[in-house]
PDB file of N, CA and C in Angstrom:
ATOM      1  N   UNK A   1      47.158 100.124 -81.638  1.00  0.00           N
ATOM      2  CA  UNK A   1      46.804  99.906 -82.955  1.00  0.00           C
ATOM      3  C   UNK A   1      48.006  99.995 -84.129  1.00  0.00           C
ATOM      4  N   UNK A   2      48.041  99.204 -84.926  1.00  0.00           N
ATOM      5  CA  UNK A   2      49.067  99.198 -85.852  1.00  0.00           C
ATOM      6  C   UNK A   2      48.882 100.227 -86.968  1.00  0.00           C
ATOM      7  N   UNK A   3      47.759 100.408 -87.426  1.00  0.00           N
ATOM      8  CA  UNK A   3      47.344 101.203 -88.409  1.00  0.00           C
ATOM      9  C   UNK A   3      47.130 102.588 -87.918  1.00  0.00           C
ATOM     10  N   UNK A   4      47.960 103.700 -87.920  1.00  0.00           N
ATOM     11  CA  UNK A   4      47.693 105.027 -87.338  1.00  0.00           C
ATOM     12  C   UNK A   4      47.589 105.892 -88.693  1.00  0.00           C
ATOM     13  N   UNK A   5      46.658 106.680 -88.545  1.00  0.00           N
ATOM     14  CA  UNK A   5      46.430 107.756 -89.578  1.00  0.00           C
ATOM     15  C   UNK A   5      47.032 108.920 -89.352  1.00  0.00           C
ATOM     16  N   UNK A   6      47.997 109.487 -90.157  1.00  0.00           N
ATOM     17  CA  UNK A   6      48.351 110.749 -89.973  1.00  0.00           C
ATOM     18  C   UNK A   6      49.000 111.170 -91.328  1.00  0.00           C
ATOM     19  N   UNK A   7      49.106 112.477 -91.514  1.00  0.00           N
ATOM     20  CA  UNK A   7      49.856 113.076 -92.822  1.00  0.00           C
ATOM     21  C   UNK A   7      51.172 113.651 -92.361  1.00  0.00           C
ATOM     22  N   UNK A   8      51.927 113.503 -93.365  1.00  0.00           N
ATOM     23  CA  UNK A   8      53.270 114.322 -93.189  1.00  0.00           C
ATOM     24  C   UNK A   8      53.256 115.552 -93.600  1.00  0.00           C
ATOM     25  N   UNK A   9      54.319 116.462 -93.540  1.00  0.00           N
ATOM     26  CA  UNK A   9      54.362 117.895 -93.758  1.00  0.00           C
ATOM     27  C   UNK A   9      53.915 118.118 -95.170  1.00  0.00           C
ATOM     28  N   UNK A  10      54.105 117.119 -96.174  1.00  0.00           N
ATOM     29  CA  UNK A  10      53.539 117.411 -97.538  1.00  0.00           C
ATOM     30  C   UNK A  10      52.175 116.980 -97.669  1.00  0.00           C
ATOM     31  N   UNK A  11      51.553 116.586 -96.633  1.00  0.00           N
ATOM     32  CA  UNK A  11      49.961 116.287 -96.770  1.00  0.00           C
ATOM     33  C   UNK A  11      49.880 114.648 -97.225  1.00  0.00           C
ATOM     34  N   UNK A  12      50.926 113.971 -97.499  1.00  0.00           N
ATOM     35  CA  UNK A  12      50.948 112.502 -97.783  1.00  0.00           C
ATOM     36  C   UNK A  12      50.502 111.693 -96.766  1.00  0.00           C
ATOM     37  N   UNK A  13      49.722 110.634 -96.910  1.00  0.00           N
ATOM     38  CA  UNK A  13      49.279 109.754 -95.878  1.00  0.00           C
ATOM     39  C   UNK A  13      50.558 108.898 -95.496  1.00  0.00           C
ATOM     40  N   UNK A  14      50.783 108.809 -94.176  1.00  0.00           N
ATOM     41  CA  UNK A  14      51.702 108.213 -93.666  1.00  0.00           C
ATOM     42  C   UNK A  14      51.207 106.901 -92.832  1.00  0.00           C
ATOM     43  N   UNK A  15      50.042 106.472 -93.189  1.00  0.00           N
ATOM     44  CA  UNK A  15      49.285 105.263 -92.440  1.00  0.00           C
ATOM     45  C   UNK A  15      50.199 104.008 -92.543  1.00  0.00           C
ATOM     46  N   UNK A  16      50.499 103.587 -91.232  1.00  0.00           N
ATOM     47  CA  UNK A  16      51.203 102.333 -91.274  1.00  0.00           C
ATOM     48  C   UNK A  16      50.138 101.226 -91.462  1.00  0.00           C
ATOM     49  N   UNK A  17      50.724 100.153 -92.321  1.00  0.00           N
ATOM     50  CA  UNK A  17      49.834  99.150 -92.573  1.00  0.00           C
ATOM     51  C   UNK A  17      50.471  97.829 -92.050  1.00  0.00           C
ATOM     52  N   UNK A  18      49.785  96.825 -91.788  1.00  0.00           N
ATOM     53  CA  UNK A  18      50.016  95.639 -91.477  1.00  0.00           C
ATOM     54  C   UNK A  18      50.804  94.911 -92.712  1.00  0.00           C
ATOM     55  N   UNK A  19      51.756  94.257 -92.442  1.00  0.00           N
ATOM     56  CA  UNK A  19      52.499  93.442 -93.513  1.00  0.00           C
ATOM     57  C   UNK A  19      52.841  92.008 -92.985  1.00  0.00           C
ATOM     58  N   UNK A  20      53.533  91.238 -93.770  1.00  0.00           N
ATOM     59  CA  UNK A  20      54.097  89.994 -93.349  1.00  0.00           C
ATOM     60  C   UNK A  20      55.089  90.161 -92.292  1.00  0.00           C
ATOM     61  N   UNK A  21      55.898  91.247 -92.263  1.00  0.00           N
ATOM     62  CA  UNK A  21      56.931  91.679 -91.371  1.00  0.00           C
ATOM     63  C   UNK A  21      56.422  92.237 -90.060  1.00  0.00           C
ATOM     64  N   UNK A  22      55.130  92.416 -89.917  1.00  0.00           N
ATOM     65  CA  UNK A  22      54.306  92.853 -88.603  1.00  0.00           C
ATOM     66  C   UNK A  22      54.567  91.848 -87.571  1.00  0.00           C
ATOM     67  N   UNK A  23      54.922  92.170 -86.298  1.00  0.00           N
ATOM     68  CA  UNK A  23      54.919  91.266 -85.240  1.00  0.00           C
ATOM     69  C   UNK A  23      53.461  90.960 -84.854  1.00  0.00           C
ATOM     70  N   UNK A  24      53.385  89.532 -84.745  1.00  0.00           N
ATOM     71  CA  UNK A  24      52.063  88.904 -84.571  1.00  0.00           C
ATOM     72  C   UNK A  24      51.342  89.748 -83.434  1.00  0.00           C
ATOM     73  N   UNK A  25      51.896  90.069 -82.304  1.00  0.00           N
ATOM     74  CA  UNK A  25      51.087  90.670 -81.203  1.00  0.00           C
ATOM     75  C   UNK A  25      50.743  92.195 -81.397  1.00  0.00           C
ATOM     76  N   UNK A  26      51.401  92.762 -82.338  1.00  0.00           N
ATOM     77  CA  UNK A  26      51.171  94.019 -82.898  1.00  0.00           C
ATOM     78  C   UNK A  26      49.913  93.946 -83.853  1.00  0.00           C
ATOM     79  N   UNK A  27      50.073  93.053 -84.717  1.00  0.00           N
ATOM     80  CA  UNK A  27      48.695  92.821 -85.559  1.00  0.00           C
ATOM     81  C   UNK A  27      47.573  92.518 -84.802  1.00  0.00           C
ATOM     82  N   UNK A  28      47.737  91.622 -83.782  1.00  0.00           N
ATOM     83  CA  UNK A  28      46.590  91.411 -83.075  1.00  0.00           C
ATOM     84  C   UNK A  28      45.862  92.442 -82.446  1.00  0.00           C
ATOM     85  N   UNK A  29      46.605  93.456 -82.206  1.00  0.00           N
ATOM     86  CA  UNK A  29      46.016  94.789 -81.562  1.00  0.00           C
ATOM     87  C   UNK A  29      45.681  95.765 -82.611  1.00  0.00           C
ATOM     88  N   UNK A  30      45.683  95.483 -83.821  1.00  0.00           N
ATOM     89  CA  UNK A  30      45.324  96.421 -84.940  1.00  0.00           C
ATOM     90  C   UNK A  30      43.820  96.711 -85.003  1.00  0.00           C
ATOM     91  N   UNK A  31      43.044  95.791 -84.610  1.00  0.00           N
ATOM     92  CA  UNK A  31      41.653  96.208 -84.669  1.00  0.00           C
ATOM     93  C   UNK A  31      40.791  95.242 -83.603  1.00  0.00           C
ATOM     94  N   UNK A  32      39.701  95.497 -83.151  1.00  0.00           N
ATOM     95  CA  UNK A  32      38.948  94.731 -82.394  1.00  0.00           C
ATOM     96  C   UNK A  32      38.698  93.204 -83.035  1.00  0.00           C
ATOM     97  N   UNK A  33      38.685  93.260 -84.250  1.00  0.00           N
ATOM     98  CA  UNK A  33      38.468  91.935 -85.053  1.00  0.00           C
ATOM     99  C   UNK A  33      39.569  91.102 -85.333  1.00  0.00           C
ATOM    100  N   UNK A  34      40.869  91.729 -85.230  1.00  0.00           N
ATOM    101  CA  UNK A  34      41.950  91.096 -85.547  1.00  0.00           C
ATOM    102  C   UNK A  34      42.116  89.686 -84.978  1.00  0.00           C
ATOM    103  N   UNK A  35      42.001  89.590 -83.706  1.00  0.00           N
ATOM    104  CA  UNK A  35      42.090  88.070 -83.168  1.00  0.00           C
ATOM    105  C   UNK A  35      41.162  87.032 -83.752  1.00  0.00           C
ATOM    106  N   UNK A  36      40.087  87.570 -84.054  1.00  0.00           N
ATOM    107  CA  UNK A  36      38.949  86.525 -84.628  1.00  0.00           C
ATOM    108  C   UNK A  36      39.476  86.231 -86.029  1.00  0.00           C
ATOM    109  N   UNK A  37      40.012  87.228 -86.777  1.00  0.00           N
ATOM    110  CA  UNK A  37      40.451  86.907 -88.136  1.00  0.00           C
ATOM    111  C   UNK A  37      41.621  86.044 -88.157  1.00  0.00           C
ATOM    112  N   UNK A  38      42.533  86.340 -87.196  1.00  0.00           N
ATOM    113  CA  UNK A  38      43.733  85.326 -86.998  1.00  0.00           C
ATOM    114  C   UNK A  38      43.331  83.999 -86.599  1.00  0.00           C
ATOM    115  N   UNK A  39      42.592  83.837 -85.702  1.00  0.00           N
ATOM    116  CA  UNK A  39      41.937  82.472 -85.360  1.00  0.00           C
ATOM    117  C   UNK A  39      41.189  81.849 -86.569  1.00  0.00           C
ATOM    118  N   UNK A  40      40.461  82.673 -87.311  1.00  0.00           N
ATOM    119  CA  UNK A  40      39.871  82.076 -88.529  1.00  0.00           C
ATOM    120  C   UNK A  40      40.783  81.402 -89.505  1.00  0.00           C
ATOM    121  N   UNK A  41      42.004  81.958 -89.502  1.00  0.00           N
ATOM    122  CA  UNK A  41      42.972  81.535 -90.530  1.00  0.00           C
ATOM    123  C   UNK A  41      43.927  80.250 -89.728  1.00  0.00           C
ATOM    124  N   UNK A  42      43.419  79.959 -88.676  1.00  0.00           N
ATOM    125  CA  UNK A  42      44.297  78.831 -87.920  1.00  0.00           C
ATOM    126  C   UNK A  42      45.513  79.262 -87.045  1.00  0.00           C
ATOM    127  N   UNK A  43      45.620  80.494 -87.070  1.00  0.00           N
ATOM    128  CA  UNK A  43      46.755  81.266 -86.257  1.00  0.00           C
ATOM    129  C   UNK A  43      46.225  81.459 -84.685  1.00  0.00           C
ATOM    130  N   UNK A  44      46.325  80.352 -83.971  1.00  0.00           N
ATOM    131  CA  UNK A  44      45.805  80.389 -82.574  1.00  0.00           C
ATOM    132  C   UNK A  44      46.760  80.715 -81.399  1.00  0.00           C
ATOM    133  N   UNK A  45      47.844  81.188 -81.880  1.00  0.00           N
ATOM    134  CA  UNK A  45      49.069  81.335 -80.900  1.00  0.00           C
ATOM    135  C   UNK A  45      49.039  82.714 -80.237  1.00  0.00           C
ATOM    136  N   UNK A  46      47.987  83.398 -80.243  1.00  0.00           N
ATOM    137  CA  UNK A  46      48.013  84.729 -79.747  1.00  0.00           C
ATOM    138  C   UNK A  46      48.409  84.808 -78.169  1.00  0.00           C
ATOM    139  N   UNK A  47      48.255  83.835 -77.558  1.00  0.00           N
ATOM    140  CA  UNK A  47      48.815  83.842 -76.075  1.00  0.00           C
ATOM    141  C   UNK A  47      50.252  83.395 -75.945  1.00  0.00           C
ATOM    142  N   UNK A  48      50.639  82.955 -76.874  1.00  0.00           N
ATOM    143  CA  UNK A  48      52.084  82.556 -77.020  1.00  0.00           C
ATOM    144  C   UNK A  48      53.114  83.762 -76.721  1.00  0.00           C
ATOM    145  N   UNK A  49      54.215  83.441 -75.975  1.00  0.00           N
ATOM    146  CA  UNK A  49      55.074  84.456 -75.594  1.00  0.00           C
ATOM    147  C   UNK A  49      55.837  84.961 -76.941  1.00  0.00           C
ATOM    148  N   UNK A  50      55.992  84.105 -78.059  1.00  0.00           N
ATOM    149  CA  UNK A  50      56.640  84.396 -79.209  1.00  0.00           C
ATOM    150  C   UNK A  50      55.986  85.545 -80.116  1.00  0.00           C
ATOM    151  N   UNK A  51      54.691  85.683 -79.635  1.00  0.00           N
ATOM    152  CA  UNK A  51      53.831  86.866 -80.427  1.00  0.00           C
ATOM    153  C   UNK A  51      54.340  88.189 -80.348  1.00  0.00           C
ATOM    154  N   UNK A  52      55.400  88.383 -79.306  1.00  0.00           N
ATOM    155  CA  UNK A  52      56.131  89.796 -79.104  1.00  0.00           C
ATOM    156  C   UNK A  52      57.211  89.834 -80.054  1.00  0.00           C
ATOM    157  N   UNK A  53      57.665  88.789 -80.593  1.00  0.00           N
ATOM    158  CA  UNK A  53      58.823  88.783 -81.370  1.00  0.00           C
ATOM    159  C   UNK A  53      58.845  88.243 -82.940  1.00  0.00           C
ATOM    160  N   UNK A  54      57.871  87.318 -82.995  1.00  0.00           N
ATOM    161  CA  UNK A  54      57.580  86.713 -84.237  1.00  0.00           C
ATOM    162  C   UNK A  54      56.882  87.256 -85.089  1.00  0.00           C
ATOM    163  N   UNK A  55      57.167  87.497 -86.476  1.00  0.00           N
ATOM    164  CA  UNK A  55      56.365  88.306 -87.541  1.00  0.00           C
ATOM    165  C   UNK A  55      55.354  87.326 -87.928  1.00  0.00           C
ATOM    166  N   UNK A  56      54.417  87.900 -88.572  1.00  0.00           N
ATOM    167  CA  UNK A  56      53.180  87.167 -89.252  1.00  0.00           C
ATOM    168  C   UNK A  56      53.869  86.025 -90.075  1.00  0.00           C
ATOM    169  N   UNK A  57      54.681  86.363 -90.981  1.00  0.00           N
ATOM    170  CA  UNK A  57      55.284  85.338 -91.848  1.00  0.00           C
ATOM    171  C   UNK A  57      55.777  84.291 -91.176  1.00  0.00           C
ATOM    172  N   UNK A  58      56.562  84.550 -90.250  1.00  0.00           N
ATOM    173  CA  UNK A  58      57.287  83.397 -89.420  1.00  0.00           C
ATOM    174  C   UNK A  58      56.286  82.484 -88.656  1.00  0.00           C
ATOM    175  N   UNK A  59      55.261  83.153 -88.053  1.00  0.00           N
ATOM    176  CA  UNK A  59      54.178  82.433 -87.254  1.00  0.00           C
ATOM    177  C   UNK A  59      53.390  81.429 -88.164  1.00  0.00           C
ATOM    178  N   UNK A  60      52.867  82.162 -89.253  1.00  0.00           N
ATOM    179  CA  UNK A  60      52.190  81.503 -90.206  1.00  0.00           C
ATOM    180  C   UNK A  60      52.783  80.416 -90.993  1.00  0.00           C
ATOM    181  N   UNK A  61      54.111  80.741 -91.450  1.00  0.00           N
ATOM    182  CA  UNK A  61      54.916  79.492 -91.921  1.00  0.00           C
ATOM    183  C   UNK A  61      55.206  78.355 -91.022  1.00  0.00           C
ATOM    184  N   UNK A  62      55.365  78.675 -89.736  1.00  0.00           N
ATOM    185  CA  UNK A  62      55.507  77.613 -88.801  1.00  0.00           C
ATOM    186  C   UNK A  62      54.380  76.656 -88.605  1.00  0.00           C
ATOM    187  N   UNK A  63      53.166  77.416 -88.903  1.00  0.00           N
ATOM    188  CA  UNK A  63      51.909  76.593 -88.901  1.00  0.00           C
ATOM    189  C   UNK A  63      51.377  76.070 -90.184  1.00  0.00           C
ATOM    190  N   UNK A  64      52.247  76.060 -91.138  1.00  0.00           N
ATOM    191  CA  UNK A  64      51.922  75.569 -92.570  1.00  0.00           C
ATOM    192  C   UNK A  64      51.147  76.097 -93.348  1.00  0.00           C
ATOM    193  N   UNK A  65      50.998  77.449 -93.209  1.00  0.00           N
ATOM    194  CA  UNK A  65      50.117  78.383 -94.038  1.00  0.00           C
ATOM    195  C   UNK A  65      50.846  78.669 -95.346  1.00  0.00           C
ATOM    196  N   UNK A  66      50.192  78.646 -96.345  1.00  0.00           N
ATOM    197  CA  UNK A  66      50.693  78.974 -97.782  1.00  0.00           C
ATOM    198  C   UNK A  66      50.863  80.349 -97.841  1.00  0.00           C
ATOM    199  N   UNK A  67      51.588  80.762 -98.805  1.00  0.00           N
ATOM    200  CA  UNK A  67      51.718  82.269 -99.208  1.00  0.00           C
ATOM    201  C   UNK A  67      50.519  82.973 -99.303  1.00  0.00           C
ATOM    202  N   UNK A  68      49.608  82.282-100.113  1.00  0.00           N
ATOM    203  CA  UNK A  68      48.443  82.965-100.527  1.00  0.00           C
ATOM    204  C   UNK A  68      47.475  82.955 -99.253  1.00  0.00           C
ATOM    205  N   UNK A  69      47.353  82.184 -98.297  1.00  0.00           N
ATOM    206  CA  UNK A  69      46.740  82.330 -97.001  1.00  0.00           C
ATOM    207  C   UNK A  69      47.288  83.463 -96.133  1.00  0.00           C
ATOM    208  N   UNK A  70      48.679  83.390 -96.111  1.00  0.00           N
ATOM    209  CA  UNK A  70      49.205  84.583 -95.532  1.00  0.00           C
ATOM    210  C   UNK A  70      48.835  86.060 -95.989  1.00  0.00           C
ATOM    211  N   UNK A  71      49.118  86.021 -97.407  1.00  0.00           N
ATOM    212  CA  UNK A  71      48.612  87.443 -97.911  1.00  0.00           C
ATOM    213  C   UNK A  71      47.273  87.645 -97.864  1.00  0.00           C
ATOM    214  N   UNK A  72      46.245  86.756 -97.762  1.00  0.00           N
ATOM    215  CA  UNK A  72      44.772  87.157 -97.620  1.00  0.00           C
ATOM    216  C   UNK A  72      44.569  87.397 -96.269  1.00  0.00           C
ATOM    217  N   UNK A  73      45.229  86.879 -95.203  1.00  0.00           N
ATOM    218  CA  UNK A  73      44.959  87.213 -93.866  1.00  0.00           C
ATOM    219  C   UNK A  73      45.443  88.524 -93.734  1.00  0.00           C
ATOM    220  N   UNK A  74      46.729  89.031 -94.164  1.00  0.00           N
ATOM    221  CA  UNK A  74      47.036  90.190 -94.026  1.00  0.00           C
ATOM    222  C   UNK A  74      46.264  91.270 -94.756  1.00  0.00           C
ATOM    223  N   UNK A  75      45.645  90.881 -95.764  1.00  0.00           N
ATOM    224  CA  UNK A  75      44.730  91.998 -96.428  1.00  0.00           C
ATOM    225  C   UNK A  75      43.521  91.927 -95.517  1.00  0.00           C
ATOM    226  N   UNK A  76      42.911  90.992 -95.059  1.00  0.00           N
ATOM    227  CA  UNK A  76      41.746  90.993 -94.195  1.00  0.00           C
ATOM    228  C   UNK A  76      42.201  91.733 -92.894  1.00  0.00           C
ATOM    229  N   UNK A  77      43.215  91.630 -92.249  1.00  0.00           N
ATOM    230  CA  UNK A  77      43.782  92.471 -91.055  1.00  0.00           C
ATOM    231  C   UNK A  77      43.670  93.871 -91.365  1.00  0.00           C
ATOM    232  N   UNK A  78      44.254  94.122 -92.484  1.00  0.00           N
ATOM    233  CA  UNK A  78      44.302  95.573 -93.011  1.00  0.00           C
ATOM    234  C   UNK A  78      42.815  96.263 -93.106  1.00  0.00           C
ATOM    235  N   UNK A  79      42.067  95.576 -93.917  1.00  0.00           N
ATOM    236  CA  UNK A  79      40.811  95.947 -93.958  1.00  0.00           C
ATOM    237  C   UNK A  79      39.797  96.111 -92.733  1.00  0.00           C
ATOM    238  N   UNK A  80      40.036  95.210 -91.850  1.00  0.00           N
ATOM    239  CA  UNK A  80      39.470  95.396 -90.416  1.00  0.00           C
ATOM    240  C   UNK A  80      39.971  96.564 -89.737  1.00  0.00           C
ATOM    241  N   UNK A  81      41.336  96.913 -89.781  1.00  0.00           N
ATOM    242  CA  UNK A  81      41.899  97.986 -89.121  1.00  0.00           C
ATOM    243  C   UNK A  81      41.444  99.325 -89.907  1.00  0.00           C
ATOM    244  N   UNK A  82      41.400  99.224 -91.106  1.00  0.00           N
ATOM    245  CA  UNK A  82      40.852 100.716 -91.781  1.00  0.00           C
ATOM    246  C   UNK A  82      39.446 100.772 -91.512  1.00  0.00           C
ATOM    247  N   UNK A  83      38.590  99.861 -91.546  1.00  0.00           N
ATOM    248  CA  UNK A  83      37.190 100.036 -91.243  1.00  0.00           C
ATOM    249  C   UNK A  83      37.073 100.602 -89.712  1.00  0.00           C
ATOM    250  N   UNK A  84      37.745 100.101 -88.957  1.00  0.00           N
ATOM    251  CA  UNK A  84      37.667 100.592 -87.468  1.00  0.00           C
ATOM    252  C   UNK A  84      38.202 102.005 -87.199  1.00  0.00           C
ATOM    253  N   UNK A  85      39.323 102.469 -88.042  1.00  0.00           N
ATOM    254  CA  UNK A  85      39.785 103.666 -88.018  1.00  0.00           C
ATOM    255  C   UNK A  85      38.994 104.707 -88.656  1.00  0.00           C
ATOM    256  N   UNK A  86      38.180 104.251 -89.545  1.00  0.00           N
ATOM    257  CA  UNK A  86      37.094 105.012 -90.191  1.00  0.00           C
ATOM    258  C   UNK A  86      35.864 105.250 -89.344  1.00  0.00           C
ATOM    259  N   UNK A  87      35.712 104.301 -88.551  1.00  0.00           N
ATOM    260  CA  UNK A  87      34.578 104.430 -87.304  1.00  0.00           C
ATOM    261  C   UNK A  87      33.412 103.803 -88.138  1.00  0.00           C
ATOM    262  N   UNK A  88      33.557 102.913 -89.147  1.00  0.00           N
ATOM    263  CA  UNK A  88      32.532 102.212 -89.737  1.00  0.00           C
ATOM    264  C   UNK A  88      32.334 100.859 -89.267  1.00  0.00           C
ATOM    265  N   UNK A  89      32.783 100.515 -87.979  1.00  0.00           N
ATOM    266  CA  UNK A  89      32.518  99.375 -87.399  1.00  0.00           C
ATOM    267  C   UNK A  89      31.102  99.047 -87.044  1.00  0.00           C
ATOM    268  N   UNK A  90      30.965  97.789 -86.609  1.00  0.00           N
ATOM    269  CA  UNK A  90      29.553  97.215 -86.256  1.00  0.00           C
ATOM    270  C   UNK A  90      29.175  97.427 -84.742  1.00  0.00           C
ATOM    271  N   UNK A  91      29.467  98.613 -84.330  1.00  0.00           N
ATOM    272  CA  UNK A  91      29.326  98.828 -82.838  1.00  0.00           C
ATOM    273  C   UNK A  91      27.815  98.861 -82.458  1.00  0.00           C
TER     274      UNK A  91
END
């Protein structure tokens, strides 16, 4: 999971979030809903070998996604990861 919750010695939240620079494969593992979210935005390349190396920005750009679409997908991925981390999923 990309988003890991932990505090540093000062008690500050060091939660890692998904960004445009996050590798696609890592983002896909960020929550149970991540693959479905990515598919919904037209990013169907989760089985591709490049997902281990290519960032969200690179992959989405190669598929013609706009900056706004990329930003919204990243936002949705973070929301799903946060929801799952808090245990408020639809289990």
